[in-house]
Amino acid sequence: MTLDLAEFPSPIGKIMLTTRDGALCSMEFRERWPHRHAVLTQRFGALELRPRDSAGVCGRLAAYFAGDLHALDAIPLDAGGTPFQRRVWDALREIPPGETISYLTLARRIGDPTAARAVGAANGANPIAIVVPCHRVIASDGKLAGYAGGVHRKRWLLAHERAGTGEQRNLLV
């Protein structure tokens, strides 16, 4: 399988991203790239990585980090995953920039209010950081926990989005 591989120098660290046929397959912080590469190999088999950004994701990331918080909204995705994971990841994309919700609220939004832990596991398996905004999910007590890229990055992303919206909204219902 051939995937396009690009590297983006973001304000919170280098980001590695892969695309296939114009759709984003993965986006991961550089230090976690070996893990993501292994997961992609499990999914697709032997990989050939072509150095290019055929889907234009780097330009959209630049716009997002420059303050256009909706620049990532229309990026087509090819994240793989189980049907349940895809439901969670789709619901994550519906959380507006600057908002945070709990795992329980996300479980309710997908119609499975008893699945907060499973939602947390799906959130943790998200292969597309930032574009599938798992950083917008926080613990019911308001704590910033459980971000594979590091809580410092989660905090930065939330502050960036809140600054861009001019609001601070938490939905912990």
Protein backbone atom coordinates (compact mmCIF):
# COMPACT_ATOMS: atom_id res chain seq x y z
CA MET A 1 0.00 0.00 0.00
CA THR A 2 1.29 3.44 -0.88
CA LEU A 3 0.51 6.34 1.45
CA ASP A 4 1.58 9.94 1.13
CA LEU A 5 3.54 11.16 4.15
CA ALA A 6 4.01 14.79 5.12
CA GLU A 7 5.53 16.52 8.11
CA PHE A 8 4.11 19.76 9.49
CA PRO A 9 6.05 21.96 11.97
CA SER A 10 3.25 23.10 14.30
CA PRO A 11 3.60 25.41 17.32
CA ILE A 12 3.18 22.34 19.57
CA GLY A 13 5.60 20.01 17.81
CA LYS A 14 6.15 18.32 14.50
CA ILE A 15 3.15 16.46 13.15
CA MET A 16 3.35 13.50 10.79
CA LEU A 17 0.36 12.89 8.53
CA THR A 18 -0.55 10.26 5.99
CA THR A 19 -3.08 10.43 3.20
CA ARG A 20 -4.45 7.97 0.68
CA ASP A 21 -6.43 8.95 -2.40
CA GLY A 22 -6.98 12.47 -1.04
CA ALA A 23 -8.21 11.36 2.40
CA LEU A 24 -6.38 11.75 5.69
CA CYS A 25 -5.51 8.36 7.25
CA SER A 26 -3.46 9.47 10.24
CA MET A 27 -2.05 12.50 11.99
CA GLU A 28 0.31 12.03 14.89
CA PHE A 29 2.93 13.97 16.80
CA ARG A 30 6.45 13.08 15.65
CA GLU A 31 7.53 11.25 18.80
CA ARG A 32 4.52 8.93 18.46
CA TRP A 33 5.10 8.25 14.76
CA PRO A 34 6.71 4.78 15.28
CA HIS A 35 3.52 3.62 17.04
CA ARG A 36 1.29 5.11 14.35
CA HIS A 37 3.42 3.56 11.60
CA ALA A 38 2.97 0.14 13.24
CA VAL A 39 -0.81 0.64 13.43
CA LEU A 40 -0.93 1.69 9.76
CA THR A 41 1.11 -1.39 8.82
CA GLN A 42 -1.38 -3.58 10.70
CA ARG A 43 -4.22 -1.94 8.83
CA PHE A 44 -2.76 -1.80 5.32
CA GLY A 45 0.08 -4.33 5.27
CA ALA A 46 3.50 -3.41 3.90
CA LEU A 47 3.72 0.35 3.36
CA GLU A 48 5.45 2.49 0.81
CA LEU A 49 5.57 6.07 2.11
CA ARG A 50 5.77 8.78 -0.52
CA PRO A 51 6.96 12.18 0.77
CA ARG A 52 4.20 14.59 -0.29
CA ASP A 53 1.02 16.29 0.85
CA SER A 54 -1.28 15.39 -2.02
CA ALA A 55 -4.41 16.31 -0.04
CA GLY A 56 -3.24 19.80 0.99
CA VAL A 57 -3.61 19.06 4.69
CA CYS A 58 -0.49 21.05 5.65
CA GLY A 59 -2.03 24.23 4.25
CA ARG A 60 -5.20 23.63 6.23
CA LEU A 61 -3.16 22.98 9.38
CA ALA A 62 -1.29 26.25 8.82
CA ALA A 63 -4.64 28.07 8.56
CA TYR A 64 -5.94 26.38 11.73
CA PHE A 65 -2.85 27.34 13.73
CA ALA A 66 -3.10 30.88 12.31
CA GLY A 67 -6.60 31.18 13.78
CA ASP A 68 -9.02 29.77 11.18
CA LEU A 69 -10.56 27.21 13.52
CA HIS A 70 -12.77 25.74 10.81
CA ALA A 71 -9.96 25.13 8.31
CA LEU A 72 -9.90 21.42 9.23
CA ASP A 73 -13.65 20.80 9.04
CA ALA A 74 -13.90 19.63 5.43
CA ILE A 75 -10.83 17.38 5.31
CA PRO A 76 -11.95 13.95 4.04
CA LEU A 77 -10.99 11.11 6.37
CA ASP A 78 -9.99 7.48 5.95
CA ALA A 79 -9.43 6.61 9.61
CA GLY A 80 -10.36 2.93 9.53
CA GLY A 81 -11.58 1.68 12.91
CA THR A 82 -14.60 -0.29 14.02
CA PRO A 83 -18.15 0.94 13.41
CA PHE A 84 -18.34 2.04 17.08
CA GLN A 85 -15.03 3.93 16.84
CA ARG A 86 -16.16 5.67 13.66
CA ARG A 87 -19.39 6.78 15.41
CA VAL A 88 -17.32 8.27 18.23
CA TRP A 89 -14.87 9.93 15.83
CA ASP A 90 -17.72 11.39 13.76
CA ALA A 91 -19.29 12.78 16.95
CA LEU A 92 -15.95 14.30 17.95
CA ARG A 93 -15.91 16.29 14.70
CA GLU A 94 -19.27 17.81 15.67
CA ILE A 95 -17.90 19.42 18.85
CA PRO A 96 -17.33 23.09 17.97
CA PRO A 97 -13.91 24.64 18.52
CA GLY A 98 -13.61 26.11 21.98
CA GLU A 99 -16.08 23.69 23.54
CA THR A 100 -15.29 20.76 25.78
CA ILE A 101 -17.53 17.87 26.73
CA SER A 102 -17.21 14.84 28.99
CA TYR A 103 -16.88 11.23 27.91
CA LEU A 104 -20.37 10.64 29.35
CA THR A 105 -21.84 13.49 27.29
CA LEU A 106 -20.17 12.08 24.19
CA ALA A 107 -21.60 8.63 24.96
CA ARG A 108 -25.06 10.19 25.26
CA ARG A 109 -24.59 12.02 21.95
CA ILE A 110 -23.93 8.77 20.12
CA GLY A 111 -27.00 7.23 21.75
CA ASP A 112 -25.20 4.91 24.17
CA PRO A 113 -25.21 6.59 27.62
CA THR A 114 -23.70 3.53 29.34
CA ALA A 115 -20.65 3.49 27.07
CA ALA A 116 -18.54 6.28 28.57
CA ARG A 117 -15.55 3.97 29.07
CA ALA A 118 -15.85 2.56 25.57
CA VAL A 119 -16.05 6.12 24.26
CA GLY A 120 -12.85 6.87 26.17
CA ALA A 121 -11.14 3.87 24.58
CA ALA A 122 -12.30 4.92 21.10
CA ASN A 123 -11.13 8.45 21.83
CA GLY A 124 -7.71 7.08 22.80
CA ALA A 125 -7.53 5.02 19.59
CA ASN A 126 -8.21 8.07 17.40
CA PRO A 127 -5.60 7.98 14.59
CA ILE A 128 -6.16 11.57 13.47
CA ALA A 129 -5.14 14.07 16.13
CA ILE A 130 -6.56 17.60 16.02
CA VAL A 131 -8.73 17.07 12.90
CA VAL A 132 -10.73 14.51 14.89
CA PRO A 133 -10.63 16.71 17.99
CA CYS A 134 -10.28 14.24 20.84
CA HIS A 135 -8.59 17.06 22.76
CA ARG A 136 -12.07 18.54 23.30
CA VAL A 137 -13.12 15.66 25.56
CA ILE A 138 -12.37 16.02 29.25
CA ALA A 139 -13.21 14.21 32.46
CA SER A 140 -16.62 14.84 34.07
CA ASP A 141 -14.88 16.75 36.87
CA GLY A 142 -13.37 19.15 34.31
CA LYS A 143 -9.83 17.77 34.47
CA LEU A 144 -7.71 17.57 31.33
CA ALA A 145 -6.78 13.92 31.29
CA GLY A 146 -5.96 11.29 28.74
CA TYR A 147 -4.42 12.90 25.67
CA ALA A 148 -1.90 10.74 23.81
CA GLY A 149 -0.07 13.83 22.58
CA GLY A 150 0.37 15.03 26.16
CA VAL A 151 -1.81 17.12 28.43
CA HIS A 152 0.38 20.17 27.70
CA ARG A 153 -0.68 19.96 24.04
CA LYS A 154 -4.33 19.42 24.96
CA ARG A 155 -4.19 22.54 27.15
CA TRP A 156 -2.52 24.53 24.34
CA LEU A 157 -5.08 23.41 21.72
CA LEU A 158 -8.03 24.28 23.96
CA ALA A 159 -6.55 27.69 24.79
CA HIS A 160 -5.87 28.32 21.07
CA GLU A 161 -9.45 27.48 20.17
CA ARG A 162 -10.96 29.49 23.00
CA ALA A 163 -8.86 32.49 22.04
CA GLY A 164 -10.11 32.12 18.46
CA THR A 165 -13.75 31.95 19.49
CA GLY A 166 -13.53 34.60 22.16
CA GLU A 167 -15.51 32.32 24.46
CA GLN A 168 -15.00 29.63 27.01
CA ARG A 169 -17.77 27.07 26.89
CA ASN A 170 -17.83 23.79 28.77
CA LEU A 171 -20.63 21.34 28.23
CA LEU A 172 -20.40 18.80 31.02
CA VAL A 173 -24.03 17.71 31.00
